[in-house]
């Protein structure tokens, strides 16, 4: 629902801001996300000198947790993400 979409968008925005290393110096309304495709896609306002095709995103949802991954790479470079469970109790 609406609450889930809020957390998806917030997590994606936070991941991109951290990947850029600029924190909240970039206004949150200068960029947005399109969640309609297989993977989230970023859209930039004209004031940002960024290329959306150079950013790749993945979302992981597990229980009540949301994780977003933002990766800056060449548009032709595919992004393969593999998630593995890890337990500190493993022998």
PDB file of N, CA and C in Angstrom:
ATOM      1  N   UNK A   1       0.802  -1.183   0.000  1.00  0.00           N
ATOM      2  CA  UNK A   1       0.000   0.000   0.000  1.00  0.00           C
ATOM      3  C   UNK A   1       0.852   1.257   0.000  1.00  0.00           C
ATOM      4  N   UNK A   2       0.240   2.321   0.419  1.00  0.00           N
ATOM      5  CA  UNK A   2       0.883   3.630   0.427  1.00  0.00           C
ATOM      6  C   UNK A   2       2.076   3.676   1.382  1.00  0.00           C
ATOM      7  N   UNK A   3       1.931   3.013   2.530  1.00  0.00           N
ATOM      8  CA  UNK A   3       3.031   2.979   3.511  1.00  0.00           C
ATOM      9  C   UNK A   3       4.246   2.240   2.941  1.00  0.00           C
ATOM     10  N   UNK A   4       4.001   1.124   2.270  1.00  0.00           N
ATOM     11  CA  UNK A   4       5.091   0.349   1.665  1.00  0.00           C
ATOM     12  C   UNK A   4       5.798   1.167   0.592  1.00  0.00           C
ATOM     13  N   UNK A   5       5.034   1.868  -0.232  1.00  0.00           N
ATOM     14  CA  UNK A   5       5.629   2.698  -1.293  1.00  0.00           C
ATOM     15  C   UNK A   5       6.490   3.813  -0.687  1.00  0.00           C
ATOM     16  N   UNK A   6       6.013   4.421   0.392  1.00  0.00           N
ATOM     17  CA  UNK A   6       6.799   5.454   1.069  1.00  0.00           C
ATOM     18  C   UNK A   6       8.157   4.906   1.492  1.00  0.00           C
ATOM     19  N   UNK A   7       8.176   3.743   2.135  1.00  0.00           N
ATOM     20  CA  UNK A   7       9.431   3.176   2.608  1.00  0.00           C
ATOM     21  C   UNK A   7      10.331   2.746   1.452  1.00  0.00           C
ATOM     22  N   UNK A   8       9.761   2.263   0.358  1.00  0.00           N
ATOM     23  CA  UNK A   8      10.570   1.939  -0.815  1.00  0.00           C
ATOM     24  C   UNK A   8      11.260   3.187  -1.350  1.00  0.00           C
ATOM     25  N   UNK A   9      10.485   4.259  -1.539  1.00  0.00           N
ATOM     26  CA  UNK A   9      11.043   5.488  -2.083  1.00  0.00           C
ATOM     27  C   UNK A   9      12.057   6.122  -1.136  1.00  0.00           C
ATOM     28  N   UNK A  10      11.749   6.135   0.143  1.00  0.00           N
ATOM     29  CA  UNK A  10      12.679   6.719   1.125  1.00  0.00           C
ATOM     30  C   UNK A  10      13.989   5.940   1.133  1.00  0.00           C
ATOM     31  N   UNK A  11      13.915   4.618   1.119  1.00  0.00           N
ATOM     32  CA  UNK A  11      15.116   3.783   1.158  1.00  0.00           C
ATOM     33  C   UNK A  11      15.944   3.983  -0.106  1.00  0.00           C
ATOM     34  N   UNK A  12      15.297   4.073  -1.264  1.00  0.00           N
ATOM     35  CA  UNK A  12      16.015   4.321  -2.520  1.00  0.00           C
ATOM     36  C   UNK A  12      16.684   5.689  -2.514  1.00  0.00           C
ATOM     37  N   UNK A  13      15.976   6.715  -2.053  1.00  0.00           N
ATOM     38  CA  UNK A  13      16.562   8.056  -2.015  1.00  0.00           C
ATOM     39  C   UNK A  13      17.762   8.088  -1.073  1.00  0.00           C
ATOM     40  N   UNK A  14      17.641   7.449   0.063  1.00  0.00           N
ATOM     41  CA  UNK A  14      18.747   7.409   1.017  1.00  0.00           C
ATOM     42  C   UNK A  14      19.949   6.665   0.428  1.00  0.00           C
ATOM     43  N   UNK A  15      19.708   5.566  -0.283  1.00  0.00           N
ATOM     44  CA  UNK A  15      20.802   4.803  -0.903  1.00  0.00           C
ATOM     45  C   UNK A  15      21.530   5.648  -1.937  1.00  0.00           C
ATOM     46  N   UNK A  16      20.777   6.387  -2.779  1.00  0.00           N
ATOM     47  CA  UNK A  16      21.423   7.201  -3.799  1.00  0.00           C
ATOM     48  C   UNK A  16      22.209   8.355  -3.181  1.00  0.00           C
ATOM     49  N   UNK A  17      21.622   9.018  -2.174  1.00  0.00           N
ATOM     50  CA  UNK A  17      22.325  10.116  -1.511  1.00  0.00           C
ATOM     51  C   UNK A  17      23.622   9.632  -0.877  1.00  0.00           C
ATOM     52  N   UNK A  18      23.602   8.479  -0.261  1.00  0.00           N
ATOM     53  CA  UNK A  18      24.820   7.921   0.341  1.00  0.00           C
ATOM     54  C   UNK A  18      25.829   7.532  -0.728  1.00  0.00           C
ATOM     55  N   UNK A  19      25.356   6.979  -1.842  1.00  0.00           N
ATOM     56  CA  UNK A  19      26.257   6.600  -2.934  1.00  0.00           C
ATOM     57  C   UNK A  19      26.934   7.845  -3.518  1.00  0.00           C
ATOM     58  N   UNK A  20      26.228   8.948  -3.592  1.00  0.00           N
ATOM     59  CA  UNK A  20      26.796  10.200  -4.109  1.00  0.00           C
ATOM     60  C   UNK A  20      27.725  10.849  -3.094  1.00  0.00           C
ATOM     61  N   UNK A  21      27.543  10.529  -1.821  1.00  0.00           N
ATOM     62  CA  UNK A  21      28.402  11.089  -0.786  1.00  0.00           C
ATOM     63  C   UNK A  21      28.108  12.543  -0.448  1.00  0.00           C
ATOM     64  N   UNK A  22      26.936  13.011  -0.814  1.00  0.00           N
ATOM     65  CA  UNK A  22      26.593  14.411  -0.569  1.00  0.00           C
ATOM     66  C   UNK A  22      25.505  14.590   0.484  1.00  0.00           C
ATOM     67  N   UNK A  23      24.970  13.517   0.970  1.00  0.00           N
ATOM     68  CA  UNK A  23      23.940  13.608   1.997  1.00  0.00           C
ATOM     69  C   UNK A  23      22.774  14.481   1.578  1.00  0.00           C
ATOM     70  N   UNK A  24      22.228  15.210   2.522  1.00  0.00           N
ATOM     71  CA  UNK A  24      21.044  16.027   2.250  1.00  0.00           C
ATOM     72  C   UNK A  24      21.374  17.382   1.641  1.00  0.00           C
ATOM     73  N   UNK A  25      22.609  17.540   1.131  1.00  0.00           N
ATOM     74  CA  UNK A  25      22.931  18.769   0.396  1.00  0.00           C
ATOM     75  C   UNK A  25      22.206  18.792  -0.944  1.00  0.00           C
ATOM     76  N   UNK A  26      21.714  17.641  -1.395  1.00  0.00           N
ATOM     77  CA  UNK A  26      20.888  17.578  -2.601  1.00  0.00           C
ATOM     78  C   UNK A  26      19.439  17.536  -2.130  1.00  0.00           C
ATOM     79  N   UNK A  27      18.624  18.497  -2.542  1.00  0.00           N
ATOM     80  CA  UNK A  27      17.216  18.490  -2.133  1.00  0.00           C
ATOM     81  C   UNK A  27      16.502  17.211  -2.601  1.00  0.00           C
ATOM     82  N   UNK A  28      15.675  16.668  -1.747  1.00  0.00           N
ATOM     83  CA  UNK A  28      14.982  15.412  -2.043  1.00  0.00           C
ATOM     84  C   UNK A  28      14.030  15.516  -3.219  1.00  0.00           C
ATOM     85  N   UNK A  29      13.592  16.717  -3.555  1.00  0.00           N
ATOM     86  CA  UNK A  29      12.676  16.853  -4.689  1.00  0.00           C
ATOM     87  C   UNK A  29      13.411  17.088  -6.017  1.00  0.00           C
ATOM     88  N   UNK A  30      14.752  17.052  -6.011  1.00  0.00           N
ATOM     89  CA  UNK A  30      15.535  17.183  -7.248  1.00  0.00           C
ATOM     90  C   UNK A  30      15.655  15.868  -8.010  1.00  0.00           C
ATOM     91  N   UNK A  31      15.208  14.776  -7.403  1.00  0.00           N
ATOM     92  CA  UNK A  31      15.251  13.476  -8.060  1.00  0.00           C
ATOM     93  C   UNK A  31      14.109  12.620  -7.549  1.00  0.00           C
ATOM     94  N   UNK A  32      13.718  11.653  -8.368  1.00  0.00           N
ATOM     95  CA  UNK A  32      12.608  10.771  -8.000  1.00  0.00           C
ATOM     96  C   UNK A  32      12.867   9.387  -8.584  1.00  0.00           C
ATOM     97  N   UNK A  33      11.991   8.466  -8.260  1.00  0.00           N
ATOM     98  CA  UNK A  33      12.130   7.095  -8.734  1.00  0.00           C
ATOM     99  C   UNK A  33      10.862   6.625  -9.422  1.00  0.00           C
ATOM    100  N   UNK A  34      11.066   5.811 -10.424  1.00  0.00           N
ATOM    101  CA  UNK A  34       9.979   5.131 -11.112  1.00  0.00           C
ATOM    102  C   UNK A  34      10.053   3.670 -10.690  1.00  0.00           C
ATOM    103  N   UNK A  35       9.016   3.173 -10.064  1.00  0.00           N
ATOM    104  CA  UNK A  35       8.996   1.798  -9.562  1.00  0.00           C
ATOM    105  C   UNK A  35       8.233   0.849 -10.476  1.00  0.00           C
ATOM    106  N   UNK A  36       7.825   1.307 -11.659  1.00  0.00           N
ATOM    107  CA  UNK A  36       6.972   0.504 -12.531  1.00  0.00           C
ATOM    108  C   UNK A  36       7.707  -0.635 -13.232  1.00  0.00           C
ATOM    109  N   UNK A  37       9.001  -0.516 -13.436  1.00  0.00           N
ATOM    110  CA  UNK A  37       9.746  -1.533 -14.178  1.00  0.00           C
ATOM    111  C   UNK A  37      10.200  -2.695 -13.308  1.00  0.00           C
ATOM    112  N   UNK A  38      10.999  -3.553 -13.886  1.00  0.00           N
ATOM    113  CA  UNK A  38      11.561  -4.687 -13.148  1.00  0.00           C
ATOM    114  C   UNK A  38      12.405  -4.206 -11.979  1.00  0.00           C
ATOM    115  N   UNK A  39      13.202  -3.151 -12.225  1.00  0.00           N
ATOM    116  CA  UNK A  39      14.041  -2.565 -11.187  1.00  0.00           C
ATOM    117  C   UNK A  39      13.714  -1.077 -11.092  1.00  0.00           C
ATOM    118  N   UNK A  40      13.924  -0.488  -9.917  1.00  0.00           N
ATOM    119  CA  UNK A  40      13.677   0.949  -9.781  1.00  0.00           C
ATOM    120  C   UNK A  40      14.576   1.743 -10.731  1.00  0.00           C
ATOM    121  N   UNK A  41      14.057   2.837 -11.264  1.00  0.00           N
ATOM    122  CA  UNK A  41      14.816   3.728 -12.135  1.00  0.00           C
ATOM    123  C   UNK A  41      14.767   5.133 -11.555  1.00  0.00           C
ATOM    124  N   UNK A  42      15.894   5.810 -11.598  1.00  0.00           N
ATOM    125  CA  UNK A  42      15.962   7.162 -11.052  1.00  0.00           C
ATOM    126  C   UNK A  42      15.696   8.174 -12.165  1.00  0.00           C
ATOM    127  N   UNK A  43      15.102   9.280 -11.777  1.00  0.00           N
ATOM    128  CA  UNK A  43      14.835  10.390 -12.682  1.00  0.00           C
ATOM    129  C   UNK A  43      15.375  11.652 -12.014  1.00  0.00           C
ATOM    130  N   UNK A  44      16.136  12.460 -12.767  1.00  0.00           N
ATOM    131  CA  UNK A  44      16.755  13.658 -12.216  1.00  0.00           C
ATOM    132  C   UNK A  44      16.092  14.912 -12.749  1.00  0.00           C
ATOM    133  N   UNK A  45      16.016  15.919 -11.901  1.00  0.00           N
ATOM    134  CA  UNK A  45      15.570  17.227 -12.347  1.00  0.00           C
ATOM    135  C   UNK A  45      16.676  17.864 -13.178  1.00  0.00           C
ATOM    136  N   UNK A  46      16.343  18.895 -13.966  1.00  0.00           N
ATOM    137  CA  UNK A  46      17.326  19.516 -14.850  1.00  0.00           C
ATOM    138  C   UNK A  46      18.490  20.172 -14.110  1.00  0.00           C
ATOM    139  N   UNK A  47      18.314  20.482 -12.836  1.00  0.00           N
ATOM    140  CA  UNK A  47      19.366  21.130 -12.058  1.00  0.00           C
ATOM    141  C   UNK A  47      20.508  20.175 -11.683  1.00  0.00           C
ATOM    142  N   UNK A  48      20.279  18.861 -11.777  1.00  0.00           N
ATOM    143  CA  UNK A  48      21.329  17.891 -11.464  1.00  0.00           C
ATOM    144  C   UNK A  48      21.995  17.441 -12.757  1.00  0.00           C
ATOM    145  N   UNK A  49      23.286  17.432 -12.748  1.00  0.00           N
ATOM    146  CA  UNK A  49      24.053  16.999 -13.917  1.00  0.00           C
ATOM    147  C   UNK A  49      24.367  15.515 -13.772  1.00  0.00           C
ATOM    148  N   UNK A  50      23.365  14.680 -13.892  1.00  0.00           N
ATOM    149  CA  UNK A  50      23.491  13.233 -13.708  1.00  0.00           C
ATOM    150  C   UNK A  50      22.852  12.511 -14.882  1.00  0.00           C
ATOM    151  N   UNK A  51      23.354  11.334 -15.155  1.00  0.00           N
ATOM    152  CA  UNK A  51      22.776  10.487 -16.198  1.00  0.00           C
ATOM    153  C   UNK A  51      22.050   9.315 -15.536  1.00  0.00           C
ATOM    154  N   UNK A  52      20.749   9.224 -15.676  1.00  0.00           N
ATOM    155  CA  UNK A  52      19.991   8.130 -15.044  1.00  0.00           C
ATOM    156  C   UNK A  52      20.456   6.743 -15.494  1.00  0.00           C
ATOM    157  N   UNK A  53      20.917   6.623 -16.734  1.00  0.00           N
ATOM    158  CA  UNK A  53      21.321   5.305 -17.230  1.00  0.00           C
ATOM    159  C   UNK A  53      22.625   4.809 -16.609  1.00  0.00           C
ATOM    160  N   UNK A  54      23.311   5.653 -15.838  1.00  0.00           N
ATOM    161  CA  UNK A  54      24.542   5.244 -15.155  1.00  0.00           C
ATOM    162  C   UNK A  54      24.290   4.767 -13.728  1.00  0.00           C
ATOM    163  N   UNK A  55      23.033   4.731 -13.324  1.00  0.00           N
ATOM    164  CA  UNK A  55      22.684   4.308 -11.974  1.00  0.00           C
ATOM    165  C   UNK A  55      21.799   3.065 -12.028  1.00  0.00           C
ATOM    166  N   UNK A  56      22.150   2.092 -11.210  1.00  0.00           N
ATOM    167  CA  UNK A  56      21.388   0.846 -11.108  1.00  0.00           C
ATOM    168  C   UNK A  56      20.946   0.678  -9.659  1.00  0.00           C
ATOM    169  N   UNK A  57      19.734   0.177  -9.492  1.00  0.00           N
ATOM    170  CA  UNK A  57      19.164   0.037  -8.151  1.00  0.00           C
ATOM    171  C   UNK A  57      18.548  -1.347  -7.976  1.00  0.00           C
ATOM    172  N   UNK A  58      18.642  -1.842  -6.758  1.00  0.00           N
ATOM    173  CA  UNK A  58      17.971  -3.080  -6.379  1.00  0.00           C
ATOM    174  C   UNK A  58      17.339  -2.858  -5.023  1.00  0.00           C
ATOM    175  N   UNK A  59      16.171  -3.479  -4.854  1.00  0.00           N
ATOM    176  CA  UNK A  59      15.463  -3.427  -3.579  1.00  0.00           C
ATOM    177  C   UNK A  59      15.364  -4.834  -3.023  1.00  0.00           C
ATOM    178  N   UNK A  60      15.575  -4.947  -1.738  1.00  0.00           N
ATOM    179  CA  UNK A  60      15.424  -6.226  -1.045  1.00  0.00           C
ATOM    180  C   UNK A  60      14.479  -5.982   0.131  1.00  0.00           C
ATOM    181  N   UNK A  61      13.444  -6.790   0.214  1.00  0.00           N
ATOM    182  CA  UNK A  61      12.498  -6.692   1.321  1.00  0.00           C
ATOM    183  C   UNK A  61      12.499  -8.024   2.058  1.00  0.00           C
ATOM    184  N   UNK A  62      12.697  -7.964   3.352  1.00  0.00           N
ATOM    185  CA  UNK A  62      12.662  -9.168   4.158  1.00  0.00           C
ATOM    186  C   UNK A  62      12.030  -8.818   5.501  1.00  0.00           C
ATOM    187  N   UNK A  63      10.934  -9.483   5.783  1.00  0.00           N
ATOM    188  CA  UNK A  63      10.151  -9.192   6.981  1.00  0.00           C
ATOM    189  C   UNK A  63       9.812  -7.700   6.993  1.00  0.00           C
ATOM    190  N   UNK A  64      10.147  -6.996   8.084  1.00  0.00           N
ATOM    191  CA  UNK A  64       9.833  -5.573   8.166  1.00  0.00           C
ATOM    192  C   UNK A  64      10.981  -4.688   7.685  1.00  0.00           C
ATOM    193  N   UNK A  65      12.040  -5.287   7.142  1.00  0.00           N
ATOM    194  CA  UNK A  65      13.216  -4.541   6.716  1.00  0.00           C
ATOM    195  C   UNK A  65      13.202  -4.275   5.217  1.00  0.00           C
ATOM    196  N   UNK A  66      13.752  -3.123   4.832  1.00  0.00           N
ATOM    197  CA  UNK A  66      13.902  -2.746   3.429  1.00  0.00           C
ATOM    198  C   UNK A  66      15.344  -2.340   3.202  1.00  0.00           C
ATOM    199  N   UNK A  67      15.947  -2.873   2.160  1.00  0.00           N
ATOM    200  CA  UNK A  67      17.317  -2.542   1.807  1.00  0.00           C
ATOM    201  C   UNK A  67      17.320  -2.062   0.364  1.00  0.00           C
ATOM    202  N   UNK A  68      18.016  -0.965   0.102  1.00  0.00           N
ATOM    203  CA  UNK A  68      18.167  -0.464  -1.264  1.00  0.00           C
ATOM    204  C   UNK A  68      19.651  -0.381  -1.579  1.00  0.00           C
ATOM    205  N   UNK A  69      19.993  -0.796  -2.774  1.00  0.00           N
ATOM    206  CA  UNK A  69      21.369  -0.750  -3.252  1.00  0.00           C
ATOM    207  C   UNK A  69      21.431   0.193  -4.440  1.00  0.00           C
ATOM    208  N   UNK A  70      22.338   1.163  -4.400  1.00  0.00           N
ATOM    209  CA  UNK A  70      22.559   2.105  -5.505  1.00  0.00           C
ATOM    210  C   UNK A  70      23.979   1.892  -6.013  1.00  0.00           C
ATOM    211  N   UNK A  71      24.106   1.635  -7.315  1.00  0.00           N
ATOM    212  CA  UNK A  71      25.417   1.377  -7.910  1.00  0.00           C
ATOM    213  C   UNK A  71      25.599   2.284  -9.125  1.00  0.00           C
ATOM    214  N   UNK A  72      26.721   2.972  -9.169  1.00  0.00           N
ATOM    215  CA  UNK A  72      27.062   3.829 -10.308  1.00  0.00           C
ATOM    216  C   UNK A  72      27.999   3.051 -11.221  1.00  0.00           C
ATOM    217  N   UNK A  73      27.576   2.808 -12.454  1.00  0.00           N
ATOM    218  CA  UNK A  73      28.413   2.078 -13.403  1.00  0.00           C
ATOM    219  C   UNK A  73      28.000   2.419 -14.827  1.00  0.00           C
ATOM    220  N   UNK A  74      28.782   1.945 -15.776  1.00  0.00           N
ATOM    221  CA  UNK A  74      28.509   2.206 -17.184  1.00  0.00           C
ATOM    222  C   UNK A  74      27.128   1.668 -17.555  1.00  0.00           C
ATOM    223  N   UNK A  75      26.431   2.381 -18.448  1.00  0.00           N
ATOM    224  CA  UNK A  75      25.084   1.936 -18.845  1.00  0.00           C
ATOM    225  C   UNK A  75      25.064   0.538 -19.456  1.00  0.00           C
ATOM    226  N   UNK A  76      26.132   0.140 -20.113  1.00  0.00           N
ATOM    227  CA  UNK A  76      26.165  -1.168 -20.768  1.00  0.00           C
ATOM    228  C   UNK A  76      26.612  -2.281 -19.837  1.00  0.00           C
ATOM    229  N   UNK A  77      27.033  -1.926 -18.630  1.00  0.00           N
ATOM    230  CA  UNK A  77      27.516  -2.920 -17.673  1.00  0.00           C
ATOM    231  C   UNK A  77      26.340  -3.464 -16.873  1.00  0.00           C
ATOM    232  N   UNK A  78      26.035  -4.750 -17.019  1.00  0.00           N
ATOM    233  CA  UNK A  78      24.904  -5.304 -16.260  1.00  0.00           C
ATOM    234  C   UNK A  78      25.242  -5.407 -14.769  1.00  0.00           C
ATOM    235  N   UNK A  79      24.231  -5.305 -13.969  1.00  0.00           N
ATOM    236  CA  UNK A  79      24.405  -5.421 -12.519  1.00  0.00           C
ATOM    237  C   UNK A  79      23.781  -6.726 -12.061  1.00  0.00           C
ATOM    238  N   UNK A  80      24.597  -7.565 -11.459  1.00  0.00           N
ATOM    239  CA  UNK A  80      24.117  -8.834 -10.916  1.00  0.00           C
ATOM    240  C   UNK A  80      24.299  -8.787  -9.404  1.00  0.00           C
ATOM    241  N   UNK A  81      23.209  -8.936  -8.697  1.00  0.00           N
ATOM    242  CA  UNK A  81      23.233  -8.889  -7.236  1.00  0.00           C
ATOM    243  C   UNK A  81      22.815 -10.242  -6.710  1.00  0.00           C
ATOM    244  N   UNK A  82      23.583 -10.746  -5.778  1.00  0.00           N
ATOM    245  CA  UNK A  82      23.267 -12.024  -5.156  1.00  0.00           C
ATOM    246  C   UNK A  82      23.238 -11.820  -3.650  1.00  0.00           C
ATOM    247  N   UNK A  83      22.149 -12.227  -3.032  1.00  0.00           N
ATOM    248  CA  UNK A  83      22.008 -12.082  -1.592  1.00  0.00           C
ATOM    249  C   UNK A  83      22.237 -13.430  -0.931  1.00  0.00           C
ATOM    250  N   UNK A  84      23.041 -13.412   0.111  1.00  0.00           N
ATOM    251  CA  UNK A  84      23.306 -14.640   0.858  1.00  0.00           C
ATOM    252  C   UNK A  84      23.000 -14.407   2.331  1.00  0.00           C
ATOM    253  N   UNK A  85      22.405 -15.383   2.927  1.00  0.00           N
ATOM    254  CA  UNK A  85      22.133 -15.321   4.375  1.00  0.00           C
ATOM    255  C   UNK A  85      23.407 -15.644   5.121  1.00  0.00           C
ATOM    256  N   UNK A  86      23.630 -14.949   6.224  1.00  0.00           N
ATOM    257  CA  UNK A  86      24.786 -15.210   7.049  1.00  0.00           C
ATOM    258  C   UNK A  86      24.340 -15.236   8.497  1.00  0.00           C
ATOM    259  N   UNK A  87      24.839 -16.163   9.232  1.00  0.00           N
ATOM    260  CA  UNK A  87      24.485 -16.289  10.631  1.00  0.00           C
ATOM    261  C   UNK A  87      25.753 -16.275  11.461  1.00  0.00           C
ATOM    262  N   UNK A  88      25.773 -15.495  12.517  1.00  0.00           N
ATOM    263  CA  UNK A  88      26.941 -15.442  13.401  1.00  0.00           C
ATOM    264  C   UNK A  88      27.060 -16.743  14.207  1.00  0.00           C
ATOM    265  N   UNK A  89      25.997 -17.556  14.176  1.00  0.00           N
ATOM    266  CA  UNK A  89      26.026 -18.831  14.888  1.00  0.00           C
ATOM    267  C   UNK A  89      26.584 -19.962  14.048  1.00  0.00           C
ATOM    268  N   UNK A  90      26.922 -19.668  12.781  1.00  0.00           N
ATOM    269  CA  UNK A  90      27.418 -20.728  11.888  1.00  0.00           C
ATOM    270  C   UNK A  90      28.775 -21.231  12.391  1.00  0.00           C
ATOM    271  N   UNK A  91      28.952 -22.526  12.254  1.00  0.00           N
ATOM    272  CA  UNK A  91      30.212 -23.142  12.724  1.00  0.00           C
ATOM    273  C   UNK A  91      31.298 -22.975  11.705  1.00  0.00           C
TER     274      UNK A  91
END
